[in-house]
Amino acid sequence: MTDEASPRPAASAEPAAAAAGRFALNEDWAATVLGLVLLALVLTGIIPTGLIP
């Protein structure tokens, strides 16, 4: 019998998104938010309608 310590998992084995912070945006949500911001800017008249195809 040997006295080797068995490898234990890390105490905080959280997913990467949870470890990075509670609020994390992936690229899909970032594109959605950007699209909504552009739409709001066009509807308010700040960006002319013909500028964004």
N, C-alpha and C. Protein backbone atom coordinates (compact mmCIF):
# COMPACT_ATOMS: atom_id res chain seq x y z
N MET A 1 0.84 -1.18 0.00
CA MET A 1 0.00 0.00 0.00
C MET A 1 0.89 1.24 0.00
N THR A 2 0.50 2.23 -0.78
CA THR A 2 1.29 3.47 -0.84
C THR A 2 0.53 4.61 -0.20
N ASP A 3 1.26 5.62 0.20
CA ASP A 3 0.64 6.80 0.84
C ASP A 3 0.46 7.94 -0.15
N GLU A 4 0.16 7.61 -1.39
CA GLU A 4 -0.05 8.67 -2.38
C GLU A 4 -1.41 9.31 -2.18
N ALA A 5 -1.43 10.61 -2.23
CA ALA A 5 -2.70 11.32 -2.11
C ALA A 5 -3.41 11.28 -3.45
N SER A 6 -4.66 10.92 -3.42
CA SER A 6 -5.40 10.88 -4.67
C SER A 6 -5.70 12.31 -5.11
N PRO A 7 -5.64 12.54 -6.42
CA PRO A 7 -5.91 13.90 -6.90
C PRO A 7 -7.36 14.28 -6.62
N ARG A 8 -7.53 15.43 -6.07
CA ARG A 8 -8.87 15.93 -5.75
C ARG A 8 -9.25 17.02 -6.73
N PRO A 9 -10.52 17.12 -7.07
CA PRO A 9 -10.94 18.23 -7.93
C PRO A 9 -10.79 19.55 -7.18
N ALA A 10 -10.66 20.60 -7.94
CA ALA A 10 -10.50 21.93 -7.35
C ALA A 10 -11.73 22.26 -6.50
N ALA A 11 -11.53 23.03 -5.46
CA ALA A 11 -12.62 23.37 -4.55
C ALA A 11 -13.72 24.13 -5.27
N SER A 12 -13.34 25.00 -6.17
CA SER A 12 -14.34 25.77 -6.91
C SER A 12 -14.27 25.38 -8.39
N ALA A 13 -14.87 24.29 -8.75
CA ALA A 13 -14.89 23.83 -10.13
C ALA A 13 -16.12 24.40 -10.82
N GLU A 14 -16.15 25.72 -11.01
CA GLU A 14 -17.27 26.40 -11.64
C GLU A 14 -17.03 26.50 -13.15
N PRO A 15 -18.08 26.62 -13.92
CA PRO A 15 -17.89 26.85 -15.36
C PRO A 15 -17.17 28.18 -15.59
N ALA A 16 -16.56 28.30 -16.74
CA ALA A 16 -15.77 29.49 -17.06
C ALA A 16 -16.62 30.76 -17.04
N ALA A 17 -17.86 30.67 -17.53
CA ALA A 17 -18.72 31.85 -17.57
C ALA A 17 -19.06 32.31 -16.15
N ALA A 18 -19.31 31.38 -15.26
CA ALA A 18 -19.65 31.75 -13.89
C ALA A 18 -18.44 32.29 -13.16
N ALA A 19 -17.27 31.77 -13.48
CA ALA A 19 -16.05 32.24 -12.82
C ALA A 19 -15.68 33.64 -13.30
N ALA A 20 -16.01 33.96 -14.55
CA ALA A 20 -15.66 35.27 -15.09
C ALA A 20 -16.51 36.37 -14.48
N GLY A 21 -17.66 36.04 -14.03
CA GLY A 21 -18.57 37.03 -13.44
C GLY A 21 -20.00 36.60 -13.64
N ARG A 22 -20.87 37.22 -12.90
CA ARG A 22 -22.28 36.83 -13.00
C ARG A 22 -22.87 37.24 -14.33
N PHE A 23 -22.41 38.36 -14.88
CA PHE A 23 -22.96 38.88 -16.13
C PHE A 23 -21.94 38.70 -17.24
N ALA A 24 -22.21 37.79 -18.14
CA ALA A 24 -21.30 37.54 -19.26
C ALA A 24 -22.12 37.46 -20.54
N LEU A 25 -21.66 38.17 -21.57
CA LEU A 25 -22.33 38.15 -22.86
C LEU A 25 -21.53 37.30 -23.84
N ASN A 26 -22.20 36.39 -24.52
CA ASN A 26 -21.52 35.71 -25.59
C ASN A 26 -21.73 36.52 -26.88
N GLU A 27 -21.17 36.06 -27.96
CA GLU A 27 -21.22 36.86 -29.19
C GLU A 27 -22.63 36.97 -29.76
N ASP A 28 -23.49 36.00 -29.50
CA ASP A 28 -24.87 36.09 -29.99
C ASP A 28 -25.63 37.23 -29.31
N TRP A 29 -25.51 37.31 -27.99
CA TRP A 29 -26.20 38.39 -27.27
C TRP A 29 -25.58 39.74 -27.59
N ALA A 30 -24.27 39.78 -27.80
CA ALA A 30 -23.62 41.05 -28.16
C ALA A 30 -24.14 41.55 -29.50
N ALA A 31 -24.31 40.65 -30.47
CA ALA A 31 -24.84 41.03 -31.77
C ALA A 31 -26.30 41.47 -31.66
N THR A 32 -27.07 40.81 -30.81
CA THR A 32 -28.47 41.19 -30.61
C THR A 32 -28.57 42.59 -30.02
N VAL A 33 -27.77 42.87 -29.00
CA VAL A 33 -27.78 44.19 -28.37
C VAL A 33 -27.34 45.26 -29.35
N LEU A 34 -26.29 44.98 -30.12
CA LEU A 34 -25.82 45.95 -31.11
C LEU A 34 -26.89 46.23 -32.16
N GLY A 35 -27.59 45.19 -32.61
CA GLY A 35 -28.66 45.37 -33.59
C GLY A 35 -29.79 46.20 -33.04
N LEU A 36 -30.16 45.97 -31.79
CA LEU A 36 -31.23 46.76 -31.17
C LEU A 36 -30.82 48.22 -30.99
N VAL A 37 -29.56 48.45 -30.65
CA VAL A 37 -29.07 49.83 -30.51
C VAL A 37 -29.11 50.53 -31.86
N LEU A 38 -28.65 49.85 -32.91
CA LEU A 38 -28.71 50.46 -34.25
C LEU A 38 -30.14 50.74 -34.68
N LEU A 39 -31.04 49.82 -34.40
CA LEU A 39 -32.45 50.03 -34.73
C LEU A 39 -33.01 51.24 -33.99
N ALA A 40 -32.69 51.36 -32.72
CA ALA A 40 -33.17 52.50 -31.94
C ALA A 40 -32.61 53.81 -32.47
N LEU A 41 -31.34 53.80 -32.89
CA LEU A 41 -30.74 55.03 -33.43
C LEU A 41 -31.39 55.42 -34.76
N VAL A 42 -31.73 54.45 -35.59
CA VAL A 42 -32.39 54.74 -36.86
C VAL A 42 -33.81 55.24 -36.61
N LEU A 43 -34.54 54.60 -35.69
CA LEU A 43 -35.92 55.01 -35.42
C LEU A 43 -36.00 56.39 -34.80
N THR A 44 -34.99 56.79 -34.03
CA THR A 44 -35.00 58.13 -33.43
C THR A 44 -34.48 59.19 -34.39
N GLY A 45 -33.94 58.77 -35.54
CA GLY A 45 -33.48 59.73 -36.53
C GLY A 45 -32.04 60.17 -36.35
N ILE A 46 -31.32 59.60 -35.40
CA ILE A 46 -29.92 59.98 -35.20
C ILE A 46 -29.06 59.46 -36.36
N ILE A 47 -29.37 58.27 -36.84
CA ILE A 47 -28.69 57.70 -38.02
C ILE A 47 -29.71 57.71 -39.16
N PRO A 48 -29.34 58.30 -40.32
CA PRO A 48 -30.27 58.31 -41.45
C PRO A 48 -30.59 56.89 -41.92
N THR A 49 -31.79 56.67 -42.42
CA THR A 49 -32.26 55.34 -42.81
C THR A 49 -31.38 54.72 -43.90
N GLY A 50 -30.91 55.48 -44.85
CA GLY A 50 -30.12 54.94 -45.96
C GLY A 50 -28.69 54.62 -45.59
N LEU A 51 -28.24 55.02 -44.41
CA LEU A 51 -26.84 54.78 -44.04
C LEU A 51 -26.57 53.31 -43.73
N ILE A 52 -27.54 52.63 -43.12
CA ILE A 52 -27.39 51.22 -42.77
C ILE A 52 -28.21 50.40 -43.76
N PRO A 53 -27.54 49.54 -44.54
CA PRO A 53 -28.28 48.76 -45.54
C PRO A 53 -29.22 47.74 -44.93
